[in-house]
Amino acid sequence: MNVPTLKNWRTWEPNPIVVKELRQAVRSWAVTGMLLGFLVVLFLVTVGFLLGQSFHISPNQALGREIFQFFLPVLSLVGFVFIPVYVGGRLTAERQDGNVDMLYITTLSAARIIRGKLLCGIYLLVLFFSVCAPFMVFTNLLRGIDLPTVFVLLVVAFLLSVLSLQTAIFLSCLPASKGLKLLVGLPAGGFMMALVGMMTAMSMEMMREGIGSRLGTWIFWGPALSATFIGLLLFGFMHLAAIALVSPASANRALPLRSYATGVWLLTLLLTVGWAAWGGTLEPIAAWTSFATGILIAALLISVSEGDEQSARIRRTIPESGPKRALAFFFYSGSAGGLAWTFLLAVATALWASLSLDVKLLDSLSMAWSGRAASARSFGAFSGELEMTLSTLFLYALAYCLYGLFIHRRFQPHRPAIFAGLCSIALPALWAIVPNLVLFFLNKLSWDALQERQLGNIFNIIAMKDRSFTLDHQMCALVMVVIGVGLNFRWFLAQRRAFVPLVREAAAVPPATATPPPLS
C-alpha cells in the first residue's frame, strides 16, 4: 500500500480494522445502551439540580460548579474504565487460540491492526465526550465555573482517557492465559478507578484556584506541557510495545522499542535538567534517576526472556559493515544484545546521576538559567545514599537475571525463553523467603531481624535499618554480577560471533547438455 499523501488522495482507504470494529460496536447493545443511559443520566441530573434550586429563595451562585463536579466523574468513569475495558476485552477475545479472527488470517501488518483498535476506541471516546460536552459548557451559564476551566478539564480528561485506552490495548496483547490476564487486569482496573478519583480531586483544586487567570503564565504551561510530554512518551512506548506483542516471533520486535526507549531516555534527561536548573533543586534529577533505574530493571527481565535464536528474517537485515553491525547488536532482538544495551544505559544513568547530583553543577546550571543559586545544599548526603541504593538494586537485578539465564540454558533448554525471566524473578524471592522461613521455625523471626543486614536479599536494601550496610550490599551484588558474567561469558561471545548477516548460497546451475544434431 502506498503512503497516503495529498497527491494520491483518491487511493486512500479507511483502516479495515476501524470499519470492522465500528460496525460491531453499532450492532452491540453494550455501546448503544451505555450511550443512551449516559445521556439519560446527564439529562436527569441537570433537571434534578434545577428543580432543587427552584425550591430555594436565594439563588445558588455555585450551582454550575456543583453540577460540573457530578458530570466530570461520570464522564471519567466512562472514558477511563468502560471504553478501555470494551476495546481491550474484544482484543483479548480475538487473541485466544480458539478464535480464528482477523488477527490470524489477515495480511494486515501488526501496526495497522493496533492502530485500527486504537482509532476505534478514540472514536468512541469522541462520541461520548461530544454527548457530555454541551452539558458541561451549559454549567457555565449557571455560575460557579468559567469556560477556560471547563475546556482545560475536558482536554485533560480526554488525554487521560486515550492513555487508559492504549494501556488496555497493551495489556490485552500480553501473551498470557485468561487467568493471568485477569490477574494483571485487576490492579490495572483499580488504578483506572483511582484515576477517576484523582481527576475529581484535580478538578476541585483547579476550580478553587481558577485556571483562567493562569493561562497566560508559565506557572500553568510549564507543568502542563511537561505532563503532556511525559504522557505522550508513555503512550508511544505502550503503542510500540503492543505492536511488538502482536508481531510474529520471527520479526525484529526489539528494534523499534529499544530505539524509542533510547530516545526517550535522552529526551527525559534533557527535560529533567531543565526543570532542575529552573527550580534550583535536585529533586527532579533524583526522581528521574529512580524512575530510569526501575525501567532498566524491567528491561533486564524482558531481555533475558527474548531468547537466543536469530530468525532468517532478522539476519537478512543485519548490516554487513562492521561498525554498523556492532551498533545493531545492541538494538536487535536477542537476550545478549538486550542485556548489553540495558547495561550500557545503566552505566550512562549512573555516571550522569553521580555528576548531576553534585550541587556545584546544579549551581552552574541554575545561575545560567535563572540567575540565582540552587537551594539544594541539604540534598547532598541524601543524593549519595540514593545513588548507592539504586546502583545496588540494579546490580542485584543484573546478577539474578544472569543466573536465571544460566539455569535456563544449562538445565531447561527445551523450555520457552520466558522461563529465564521467571527464574530471574523466583531466585530473589526464594533468597528473601527461605532464610526468614528458617528464622521463623527457629522462633527467631522478628521485625528487627528483617531490618538487619541480609546479603543477597534485594528487598533488604529497602527495609534495612542501618544504612551504613548499603556498601556491603553493593560489594555483594558486584561479586554476584562477576560470577554471573563468568557463567555466561562464553555464551555471550558465541552470541556476538553468531550475529552476522544471512548469506544466501548461489543456487547450483546444472551443466549445459549438448543438443543432438537435427536429423536430416
Protein backbone atom coordinates (compact mmCIF):
# COMPACT_ATOMS: atom_id res chain seq x y z
CA MET A 1 0.00 0.00 0.00
CA ASN A 2 1.28 3.45 -0.89
CA VAL A 3 1.90 6.01 1.79
CA PRO A 4 -1.12 8.38 1.97
CA THR A 5 -0.22 11.78 0.52
CA LEU A 6 -2.14 14.67 -0.99
CA LYS A 7 -1.19 13.50 -4.47
CA ASN A 8 -2.71 10.02 -4.15
CA TRP A 9 -5.72 11.03 -2.06
CA ARG A 10 -8.02 9.24 -4.49
CA THR A 11 -6.49 5.91 -3.43
CA TRP A 12 -6.94 6.47 0.29
CA GLU A 13 -8.88 3.79 2.11
CA PRO A 14 -10.03 3.53 5.72
CA ASN A 15 -8.39 1.13 8.09
CA PRO A 16 -10.28 -2.19 7.75
CA ILE A 17 -9.98 -2.81 11.50
CA VAL A 18 -11.72 0.51 12.19
CA VAL A 19 -14.55 -0.38 9.82
CA LYS A 20 -14.93 -3.84 11.34
CA GLU A 21 -14.86 -2.61 14.95
CA LEU A 22 -17.27 0.28 14.38
CA ARG A 23 -19.76 -1.99 12.60
CA GLN A 24 -19.71 -4.39 15.53
CA ALA A 25 -19.90 -1.51 18.03
CA VAL A 26 -23.02 -0.16 16.30
CA ARG A 27 -24.64 -3.59 16.42
CA SER A 28 -23.65 -4.10 20.07
CA TRP A 29 -26.17 -3.11 22.70
CA ALA A 30 -23.33 -2.57 25.16
CA VAL A 31 -22.16 0.61 23.44
CA THR A 32 -25.61 1.80 22.36
CA GLY A 33 -27.17 1.13 25.76
CA MET A 34 -24.28 2.78 27.57
CA LEU A 35 -24.54 5.87 25.36
CA LEU A 36 -28.30 6.20 25.85
CA GLY A 37 -28.00 5.56 29.59
CA PHE A 38 -25.20 8.11 29.80
CA LEU A 39 -27.35 10.70 28.05
CA VAL A 40 -30.34 9.97 30.30
CA VAL A 41 -28.20 10.33 33.44
CA LEU A 42 -26.84 13.70 32.29
CA PHE A 43 -30.32 14.98 31.47
CA LEU A 44 -31.93 13.77 34.71
CA VAL A 45 -29.12 15.14 36.86
CA THR A 46 -29.39 18.56 35.19
CA VAL A 47 -33.16 18.63 35.62
CA GLY A 48 -32.85 17.43 39.22
CA PHE A 49 -30.40 20.17 40.17
CA LEU A 50 -32.53 22.85 38.51
CA LEU A 51 -35.72 21.63 40.22
CA GLY A 52 -33.93 21.54 43.55
CA GLN A 53 -32.75 25.10 43.06
CA SER A 54 -36.34 26.24 42.35
CA PHE A 55 -37.28 25.46 45.98
CA HIS A 56 -34.66 27.89 47.33
CA ILE A 57 -35.38 31.56 47.70
CA SER A 58 -31.83 32.85 47.19
CA PRO A 59 -30.04 31.74 44.00
CA ASN A 60 -27.11 29.39 44.36
CA GLN A 61 -24.02 31.13 42.97
CA ALA A 62 -22.12 27.82 42.69
CA LEU A 63 -24.85 25.73 41.03
CA GLY A 64 -22.87 25.30 37.82
CA ARG A 65 -19.81 24.12 39.71
CA GLU A 66 -21.84 21.57 41.68
CA ILE A 67 -23.36 20.12 38.50
CA PHE A 68 -19.95 20.05 36.83
CA GLN A 69 -18.46 18.21 39.80
CA PHE A 70 -21.04 15.47 39.21
CA PHE A 71 -20.63 15.34 35.42
CA LEU A 72 -16.85 15.01 35.40
CA PRO A 73 -16.58 11.79 37.48
CA VAL A 74 -19.31 10.17 35.36
CA LEU A 75 -17.50 11.12 32.15
CA SER A 76 -14.17 9.99 33.62
CA LEU A 77 -15.68 6.64 34.59
CA VAL A 78 -16.80 6.08 31.01
CA GLY A 79 -13.53 7.28 29.48
CA PHE A 80 -11.14 5.65 31.94
CA VAL A 81 -12.95 2.35 32.54
CA PHE A 82 -15.85 1.45 30.23
CA ILE A 83 -14.39 2.15 26.78
CA PRO A 84 -10.88 0.77 27.58
CA VAL A 85 -12.45 -2.40 29.05
CA TYR A 86 -14.71 -2.76 26.00
CA VAL A 87 -11.90 -2.35 23.44
CA GLY A 88 -9.42 -4.39 25.48
CA GLY A 89 -11.94 -7.15 26.11
CA ARG A 90 -12.65 -7.55 22.41
CA LEU A 91 -8.93 -7.66 21.62
CA THR A 92 -8.38 -10.26 24.35
CA ALA A 93 -11.10 -12.45 22.88
CA GLU A 94 -9.54 -12.19 19.42
CA ARG A 95 -6.12 -13.13 20.82
CA GLN A 96 -7.35 -16.51 22.06
CA ASP A 97 -6.07 -19.52 20.17
CA GLY A 98 -9.50 -20.98 19.57
CA ASN A 99 -10.84 -17.80 17.95
CA VAL A 100 -9.85 -17.64 14.29
CA ASP A 101 -10.30 -13.96 13.63
CA MET A 102 -8.67 -11.20 11.68
CA LEU A 103 -5.50 -11.30 13.80
CA TYR A 104 -4.66 -14.74 12.43
CA ILE A 105 -6.00 -14.77 8.86
CA THR A 106 -5.37 -11.21 7.66
CA THR A 107 -2.38 -9.89 5.75
CA LEU A 108 -2.56 -6.55 7.55
CA SER A 109 0.54 -5.52 9.46
CA ALA A 110 0.61 -5.60 13.25
CA ALA A 111 0.94 -1.82 13.35
CA ARG A 112 -2.21 -1.38 11.30
CA ILE A 113 -4.17 -3.77 13.49
CA ILE A 114 -3.22 -1.99 16.71
CA ARG A 115 -3.76 1.40 15.12
CA GLY A 116 -7.22 0.33 13.99
CA LYS A 117 -8.17 -0.80 17.50
CA LEU A 118 -6.88 2.48 18.91
CA LEU A 119 -8.73 4.64 16.36
CA CYS A 120 -11.96 2.79 17.06
CA GLY A 121 -11.59 3.45 20.79
CA ILE A 122 -10.76 7.10 20.16
CA TYR A 123 -13.87 7.42 18.01
CA LEU A 124 -15.99 6.04 20.84
CA LEU A 125 -14.33 8.48 23.24
CA VAL A 126 -15.12 11.39 20.92
CA LEU A 127 -18.72 10.16 20.71
CA PHE A 128 -19.21 10.10 24.49
CA PHE A 129 -17.33 13.36 25.01
CA SER A 130 -19.42 15.09 22.33
CA VAL A 131 -22.55 14.00 24.21
CA CYS A 132 -21.28 15.28 27.55
CA ALA A 133 -19.53 18.48 26.39
CA PRO A 134 -22.75 20.54 25.81
CA PHE A 135 -23.98 19.71 29.32
CA MET A 136 -20.62 20.74 30.78
CA VAL A 137 -20.50 24.00 28.84
CA PHE A 138 -24.07 24.68 29.97
CA THR A 139 -22.88 24.72 33.59
CA ASN A 140 -21.03 27.97 32.86
CA LEU A 141 -24.39 29.72 32.47
CA LEU A 142 -25.38 28.62 35.98
CA ARG A 143 -22.30 30.34 37.51
CA GLY A 144 -19.62 28.95 39.72
CA ILE A 145 -17.24 27.85 36.95
CA ASP A 146 -15.62 29.59 34.00
CA LEU A 147 -15.26 28.35 30.43
CA PRO A 148 -11.41 28.06 30.46
CA THR A 149 -11.64 25.68 33.42
CA VAL A 150 -14.30 23.62 31.64
CA PHE A 151 -12.26 23.29 28.46
CA VAL A 152 -8.99 22.55 30.28
CA LEU A 153 -10.59 19.80 32.35
CA LEU A 154 -12.26 18.31 29.27
CA VAL A 155 -8.92 18.21 27.45
CA VAL A 156 -7.20 16.62 30.46
CA ALA A 157 -9.94 14.01 30.80
CA PHE A 158 -9.78 13.19 27.08
CA LEU A 159 -5.98 12.80 27.08
CA LEU A 160 -6.09 10.55 30.14
CA SER A 161 -8.86 8.51 28.51
CA VAL A 162 -6.71 7.95 25.41
CA LEU A 163 -3.81 6.90 27.64
CA SER A 164 -6.07 4.48 29.53
CA LEU A 165 -7.31 3.10 26.21
CA GLN A 166 -3.77 2.44 24.98
CA THR A 167 -2.92 0.83 28.32
CA ALA A 168 -5.88 -1.53 27.97
CA ILE A 169 -4.80 -2.45 24.42
CA PHE A 170 -1.26 -3.14 25.63
CA LEU A 171 -2.46 -5.38 28.47
CA SER A 172 -4.75 -7.25 26.08
CA CYS A 173 -1.79 -8.07 23.82
CA LEU A 174 0.22 -9.76 26.58
CA PRO A 175 0.97 -13.41 25.71
CA ALA A 176 -0.76 -14.88 28.74
CA SER A 177 -3.76 -17.01 29.61
CA LYS A 178 -7.13 -15.62 30.66
CA GLY A 179 -6.36 -16.17 34.34
CA LEU A 180 -3.03 -14.35 34.17
CA LYS A 181 -4.54 -11.51 32.17
CA LEU A 182 -7.29 -11.23 34.77
CA LEU A 183 -4.64 -11.17 37.49
CA VAL A 184 -2.86 -8.33 35.69
CA GLY A 185 -6.08 -6.58 34.72
CA LEU A 186 -7.50 -6.30 38.23
CA PRO A 187 -4.74 -3.97 39.52
CA ALA A 188 -4.94 -2.05 36.25
CA GLY A 189 -8.70 -1.66 36.71
CA GLY A 190 -8.16 -0.50 40.28
CA PHE A 191 -5.68 2.06 39.04
CA MET A 192 -8.18 3.33 36.46
CA MET A 193 -10.80 3.69 39.18
CA ALA A 194 -8.26 5.58 41.30
CA LEU A 195 -7.60 7.76 38.26
CA VAL A 196 -11.27 8.82 38.36
CA GLY A 197 -10.82 9.98 41.96
CA MET A 198 -7.60 11.78 41.04
CA MET A 199 -9.38 13.55 38.19
CA THR A 200 -12.15 14.64 40.55
CA ALA A 201 -9.70 15.96 43.13
CA MET A 202 -7.71 17.79 40.46
CA SER A 203 -10.86 19.40 39.08
CA MET A 204 -11.89 20.63 42.53
CA GLU A 205 -8.42 22.12 43.06
CA MET A 206 -8.48 23.82 39.65
CA MET A 207 -11.94 25.23 40.21
CA ARG A 208 -10.92 26.51 43.63
CA GLU A 209 -7.78 28.26 42.41
CA GLY A 210 -9.06 29.31 38.99
CA ILE A 211 -7.41 28.45 35.70
CA GLY A 212 -8.40 31.44 33.57
CA SER A 213 -6.03 33.82 35.34
CA ARG A 214 -3.06 31.45 34.85
CA LEU A 215 -3.45 30.54 31.19
CA GLY A 216 -1.04 33.30 30.14
CA THR A 217 1.71 32.38 32.62
CA TRP A 218 4.49 29.78 32.63
CA ILE A 219 3.27 28.60 36.05
CA PHE A 220 0.42 26.81 34.23
CA TRP A 221 2.01 25.94 30.89
CA GLY A 222 5.29 24.63 32.32
CA PRO A 223 3.80 21.76 34.33
CA ALA A 224 1.02 21.23 31.77
CA LEU A 225 3.39 20.84 28.81
CA SER A 226 5.79 18.68 30.83
CA ALA A 227 2.99 16.34 31.94
CA THR A 228 1.62 16.18 28.39
CA PHE A 229 5.10 15.41 27.04
CA ILE A 230 5.65 12.59 29.54
CA GLY A 231 2.18 11.21 28.82
CA LEU A 232 2.87 11.21 25.07
CA LEU A 233 6.15 9.37 25.63
CA LEU A 234 4.39 6.75 27.75
CA PHE A 235 1.64 6.46 25.15
CA GLY A 236 4.17 5.94 22.36
CA PHE A 237 6.03 3.25 24.29
CA MET A 238 2.88 1.25 25.06
CA HIS A 239 1.75 1.61 21.45
CA LEU A 240 5.04 0.22 20.13
CA ALA A 241 5.02 -2.50 22.80
CA ALA A 242 1.52 -3.59 21.76
CA ILE A 243 2.64 -3.75 18.12
CA ALA A 244 5.67 -5.83 19.13
CA LEU A 245 3.50 -8.27 21.10
CA VAL A 246 1.16 -8.81 18.15
CA SER A 247 4.02 -9.15 15.64
CA PRO A 248 5.19 -12.67 14.70
CA ALA A 249 8.04 -14.20 16.67
CA SER A 250 10.35 -14.07 13.65
CA ALA A 251 10.10 -10.27 13.45
CA ASN A 252 12.67 -7.90 14.90
CA ARG A 253 10.47 -6.82 17.80
CA ALA A 254 13.17 -5.18 19.90
CA LEU A 255 14.48 -2.70 17.30
CA PRO A 256 11.68 -0.10 17.48
CA LEU A 257 11.28 -0.49 21.24
CA ARG A 258 14.96 -0.07 22.10
CA SER A 259 15.40 2.79 19.65
CA TYR A 260 12.38 4.54 21.13
CA ALA A 261 13.49 3.86 24.71
CA THR A 262 16.95 5.29 23.99
CA GLY A 263 15.42 8.45 22.55
CA VAL A 264 13.04 8.76 25.50
CA TRP A 265 15.95 8.31 27.90
CA LEU A 266 17.77 11.22 26.30
CA LEU A 267 14.72 13.49 25.99
CA THR A 268 13.58 12.98 29.58
CA LEU A 269 17.14 13.60 30.76
CA LEU A 270 17.17 16.98 29.00
CA LEU A 271 13.72 17.81 30.37
CA THR A 272 14.83 16.91 33.90
CA VAL A 273 17.94 19.06 33.63
CA GLY A 274 15.80 21.98 32.51
CA TRP A 275 13.42 21.59 35.45
CA ALA A 276 16.29 21.23 37.92
CA ALA A 277 18.05 24.33 36.58
CA TRP A 278 14.83 26.37 36.50
CA GLY A 279 13.76 25.40 40.01
CA GLY A 280 17.24 25.25 41.51
CA THR A 281 16.62 21.86 43.13
CA LEU A 282 17.91 18.31 42.75
CA GLU A 283 14.57 16.58 43.27
CA PRO A 284 13.73 16.27 39.51
CA ILE A 285 17.11 14.63 38.82
CA ALA A 286 16.69 12.24 41.75
CA ALA A 287 13.18 11.32 40.60
CA TRP A 288 14.39 10.76 37.01
CA THR A 289 17.25 8.55 38.20
CA SER A 290 14.91 6.44 40.33
CA PHE A 291 12.38 6.04 37.53
CA ALA A 292 15.07 5.24 34.94
CA THR A 293 16.58 2.59 37.22
CA GLY A 294 13.20 0.92 37.68
CA ILE A 295 12.61 0.87 33.91
CA LEU A 296 16.08 -0.59 33.28
CA ILE A 297 15.46 -3.36 35.83
CA ALA A 298 12.26 -4.23 33.95
CA ALA A 299 14.26 -4.14 30.70
CA LEU A 300 16.64 -6.75 32.16
CA LEU A 301 13.74 -9.15 32.76
CA ILE A 302 12.44 -8.57 29.25
CA SER A 303 15.89 -9.05 27.70
CA VAL A 304 16.57 -12.44 29.27
CA SER A 305 13.14 -13.59 28.10
CA GLU A 306 13.77 -12.85 24.42
CA GLY A 307 15.72 -15.99 23.56
CA ASP A 308 18.88 -16.69 21.57
CA GLU A 309 17.66 -17.75 18.15
CA GLN A 310 18.00 -15.22 15.33
CA SER A 311 15.44 -15.88 12.61
CA ALA A 312 16.35 -15.68 8.96
CA ARG A 313 14.06 -12.67 8.69
CA ILE A 314 16.19 -10.78 11.23
CA ARG A 315 19.53 -11.95 9.87
CA ARG A 316 18.65 -10.63 6.41
CA THR A 317 18.53 -7.10 7.87
CA ILE A 318 21.82 -7.27 9.81
CA PRO A 319 24.26 -4.72 8.31
CA GLU A 320 27.36 -6.09 6.65
CA SER A 321 29.56 -3.17 7.73
CA GLY A 322 31.49 -3.85 10.95
CA PRO A 323 30.68 -0.62 12.86
CA LYS A 324 27.03 -0.70 11.83
CA ARG A 325 26.74 -4.36 12.79
CA ALA A 326 28.33 -3.67 16.18
CA LEU A 327 25.77 -0.91 16.82
CA ALA A 328 22.89 -3.04 15.55
CA PHE A 329 23.82 -5.80 18.01
CA PHE A 330 22.56 -3.64 20.89
CA PHE A 331 19.19 -2.88 19.24
CA TYR A 332 18.22 -6.14 17.53
CA SER A 333 16.19 -8.86 19.20
CA GLY A 334 18.13 -11.28 21.38
CA SER A 335 18.97 -11.75 25.03
CA ALA A 336 22.67 -10.95 24.61
CA GLY A 337 22.07 -7.66 22.82
CA GLY A 338 19.30 -6.71 25.23
CA LEU A 339 21.50 -7.27 28.29
CA ALA A 340 24.35 -5.29 26.71
CA TRP A 341 22.01 -2.42 25.75
CA THR A 342 20.47 -2.27 29.22
CA PHE A 343 23.87 -2.38 30.91
CA LEU A 344 25.22 0.50 28.80
CA LEU A 345 22.17 2.63 29.55
CA ALA A 346 22.50 1.81 33.26
CA VAL A 347 26.16 2.86 33.24
CA ALA A 348 25.27 6.10 31.47
CA THR A 349 22.48 6.72 34.00
CA ALA A 350 24.81 6.10 36.96
CA LEU A 351 27.52 8.36 35.53
CA TRP A 352 25.05 11.13 34.85
CA ALA A 353 23.50 10.76 38.32
CA SER A 354 26.89 10.95 40.04
CA LEU A 355 27.70 14.06 38.01
CA SER A 356 24.37 15.86 38.15
CA LEU A 357 23.61 15.19 41.82
CA ASP A 358 26.57 17.39 42.65
CA VAL A 359 25.36 20.74 43.99
CA LYS A 360 28.17 22.66 42.23
CA LEU A 361 26.94 21.55 38.82
CA LEU A 362 23.38 22.48 39.77
CA ASP A 363 24.60 25.90 40.89
CA SER A 364 26.17 26.49 37.48
CA LEU A 365 23.05 25.39 35.61
CA SER A 366 20.74 27.38 37.85
CA MET A 367 22.83 30.53 37.51
CA ALA A 368 22.89 30.16 33.73
CA TRP A 369 19.12 29.55 33.59
CA SER A 370 17.55 31.84 36.17
CA GLY A 371 20.44 33.88 37.55
CA ARG A 372 20.11 32.52 41.09
CA ALA A 373 21.98 29.87 43.04
CA ALA A 374 20.47 26.49 43.78
CA SER A 375 18.65 25.86 47.03
CA ALA A 376 19.62 22.20 47.44
CA ARG A 377 22.51 22.27 49.88
CA SER A 378 20.87 19.82 52.25
CA PHE A 379 20.29 17.32 49.49
CA GLY A 380 23.91 16.25 49.11
CA ALA A 381 24.01 13.46 51.71
CA PHE A 382 20.70 12.05 50.57
CA SER A 383 21.80 12.11 46.91
CA GLY A 384 24.84 9.95 47.67
CA GLU A 385 22.74 7.42 49.57
CA LEU A 386 20.13 7.38 46.81
CA GLU A 387 22.75 6.81 44.14
CA MET A 388 24.31 3.90 46.05
CA THR A 389 20.91 2.30 46.73
CA LEU A 390 19.80 2.50 43.10
CA SER A 391 23.08 1.12 41.78
CA THR A 392 22.92 -1.78 44.26
CA LEU A 393 19.36 -2.60 43.21
CA PHE A 394 20.37 -2.71 39.56
CA LEU A 395 23.44 -4.88 40.27
CA TYR A 396 21.32 -7.36 42.20
CA ALA A 397 18.76 -7.47 39.39
CA LEU A 398 21.51 -7.98 36.80
CA ALA A 399 23.05 -10.81 38.84
CA TYR A 400 19.76 -12.65 39.26
CA CYS A 401 18.94 -12.23 35.55
CA LEU A 402 22.32 -13.73 34.64
CA TYR A 403 21.68 -16.65 36.99
CA GLY A 404 18.20 -17.19 35.54
CA LEU A 405 19.65 -17.16 32.05
CA PHE A 406 22.29 -19.72 33.03
CA ILE A 407 19.70 -22.03 34.65
CA HIS A 408 17.55 -21.89 31.55
CA ARG A 409 20.42 -22.63 29.16
CA ARG A 410 22.07 -25.35 31.19
CA PHE A 411 19.20 -27.23 32.86
CA GLN A 412 15.98 -26.40 30.96
CA PRO A 413 16.95 -25.51 27.37
CA HIS A 414 13.80 -27.11 25.94
CA ARG A 415 11.52 -24.66 27.73
CA PRO A 416 10.48 -21.29 26.22
CA ALA A 417 12.76 -18.29 26.66
CA ILE A 418 10.38 -16.71 29.17
CA PHE A 419 11.48 -19.42 31.63
CA ALA A 420 14.71 -17.44 32.14
CA GLY A 421 12.71 -14.37 33.14
CA LEU A 422 10.59 -16.41 35.54
CA CYS A 423 13.75 -17.83 37.13
CA SER A 424 15.13 -14.31 37.47
CA ILE A 425 12.04 -13.38 39.49
CA ALA A 426 11.90 -16.60 41.50
CA LEU A 427 15.54 -16.57 42.63
CA PRO A 428 15.46 -13.29 44.62
CA ALA A 429 12.05 -14.26 46.02
CA LEU A 430 13.42 -17.57 47.28
CA TRP A 431 16.54 -15.93 48.68
CA ALA A 432 14.33 -13.50 50.61
CA ILE A 433 11.80 -16.08 51.85
CA VAL A 434 13.87 -19.15 52.72
CA PRO A 435 16.25 -17.56 55.31
CA ASN A 436 13.36 -15.79 57.01
CA LEU A 437 11.37 -19.02 56.93
CA VAL A 438 14.22 -20.77 58.73
CA LEU A 439 14.26 -17.98 61.34
CA PHE A 440 10.52 -18.42 61.73
CA PHE A 441 10.83 -22.14 62.55
CA LEU A 442 13.70 -21.36 64.94
CA ASN A 443 11.43 -18.79 66.64
CA LYS A 444 13.90 -16.01 65.90
CA LEU A 445 11.96 -14.10 63.27
CA SER A 446 11.12 -10.54 64.28
CA TRP A 447 10.90 -7.10 62.71
CA ASP A 448 14.41 -6.35 63.96
CA ALA A 449 15.68 -9.45 62.16
CA LEU A 450 14.09 -8.25 58.92
CA GLN A 451 15.83 -4.89 59.33
CA GLU A 452 19.24 -6.48 59.85
CA ARG A 453 21.73 -6.95 57.02
CA GLN A 454 20.86 -9.88 54.74
CA LEU A 455 23.39 -10.02 51.92
CA GLY A 456 21.94 -11.16 48.63
CA ASN A 457 18.40 -10.11 49.56
CA ILE A 458 17.38 -7.37 47.14
CA PHE A 459 14.38 -6.44 49.29
CA ASN A 460 16.55 -6.00 52.38
CA ILE A 461 18.05 -2.84 50.88
CA ILE A 462 14.75 -1.03 51.35
CA ALA A 463 13.89 -2.49 54.77
CA MET A 464 17.40 -2.24 56.24
CA LYS A 465 17.57 -0.06 59.34
CA ASP A 466 21.30 0.73 59.37
CA ARG A 467 22.01 2.44 56.04
CA SER A 468 25.75 2.05 56.50
CA PHE A 469 25.36 -1.59 55.40
CA THR A 470 24.40 -0.47 51.88
CA LEU A 471 28.07 -0.61 50.88
CA ASP A 472 28.21 -4.25 51.97
CA HIS A 473 25.18 -4.99 49.79
CA GLN A 474 26.81 -3.21 46.89
CA MET A 475 30.00 -5.26 47.19
CA CYS A 476 27.96 -8.47 47.48
CA ALA A 477 25.94 -7.54 44.39
CA LEU A 478 29.13 -6.76 42.48
CA VAL A 479 30.59 -10.17 43.35
CA MET A 480 27.35 -11.86 42.26
CA VAL A 481 27.47 -9.99 38.95
CA VAL A 482 31.06 -11.09 38.35
CA ILE A 483 30.06 -14.72 38.98
CA GLY A 484 27.06 -14.36 36.67
CA VAL A 485 29.23 -12.85 33.93
CA GLY A 486 31.68 -15.73 34.29
CA LEU A 487 28.90 -18.28 33.92
CA ASN A 488 27.55 -16.64 30.76
CA PHE A 489 30.73 -15.19 29.22
CA ARG A 490 31.27 -17.93 26.64
CA TRP A 491 27.59 -17.85 25.71
CA PHE A 492 27.76 -14.08 25.21
CA LEU A 493 30.81 -14.37 22.95
CA ALA A 494 29.07 -17.09 20.94
CA GLN A 495 26.01 -14.88 20.50
CA ARG A 496 28.19 -11.97 19.41
CA ARG A 497 30.00 -14.11 16.83
CA ALA A 498 26.70 -15.51 15.55
CA PHE A 499 25.35 -12.00 14.90
CA VAL A 500 26.20 -11.94 11.20
CA PRO A 501 24.05 -11.29 8.14
CA LEU A 502 22.48 -14.20 6.35
CA VAL A 503 24.48 -15.20 3.30
CA ARG A 504 22.42 -16.83 0.60
CA GLU A 505 24.23 -19.53 -1.28
CA ALA A 506 24.01 -19.31 -5.01
CA ALA A 507 21.84 -22.00 -6.50
CA ALA A 508 23.78 -24.68 -8.30
CA VAL A 509 23.44 -24.24 -12.05
CA PRO A 510 23.04 -27.60 -13.83
CA PRO A 511 25.64 -28.19 -16.53
CA ALA A 512 24.52 -27.46 -20.03
CA THR A 513 23.84 -30.53 -22.10
CA ALA A 514 24.83 -30.65 -25.72
CA THR A 515 21.86 -30.78 -28.04
CA PRO A 516 21.98 -33.55 -30.60
CA PRO A 517 22.25 -32.51 -34.25
CA PRO A 518 18.99 -32.49 -36.14
CA LEU A 519 18.21 -35.49 -38.18
CA SER A 520 18.46 -34.98 -41.86
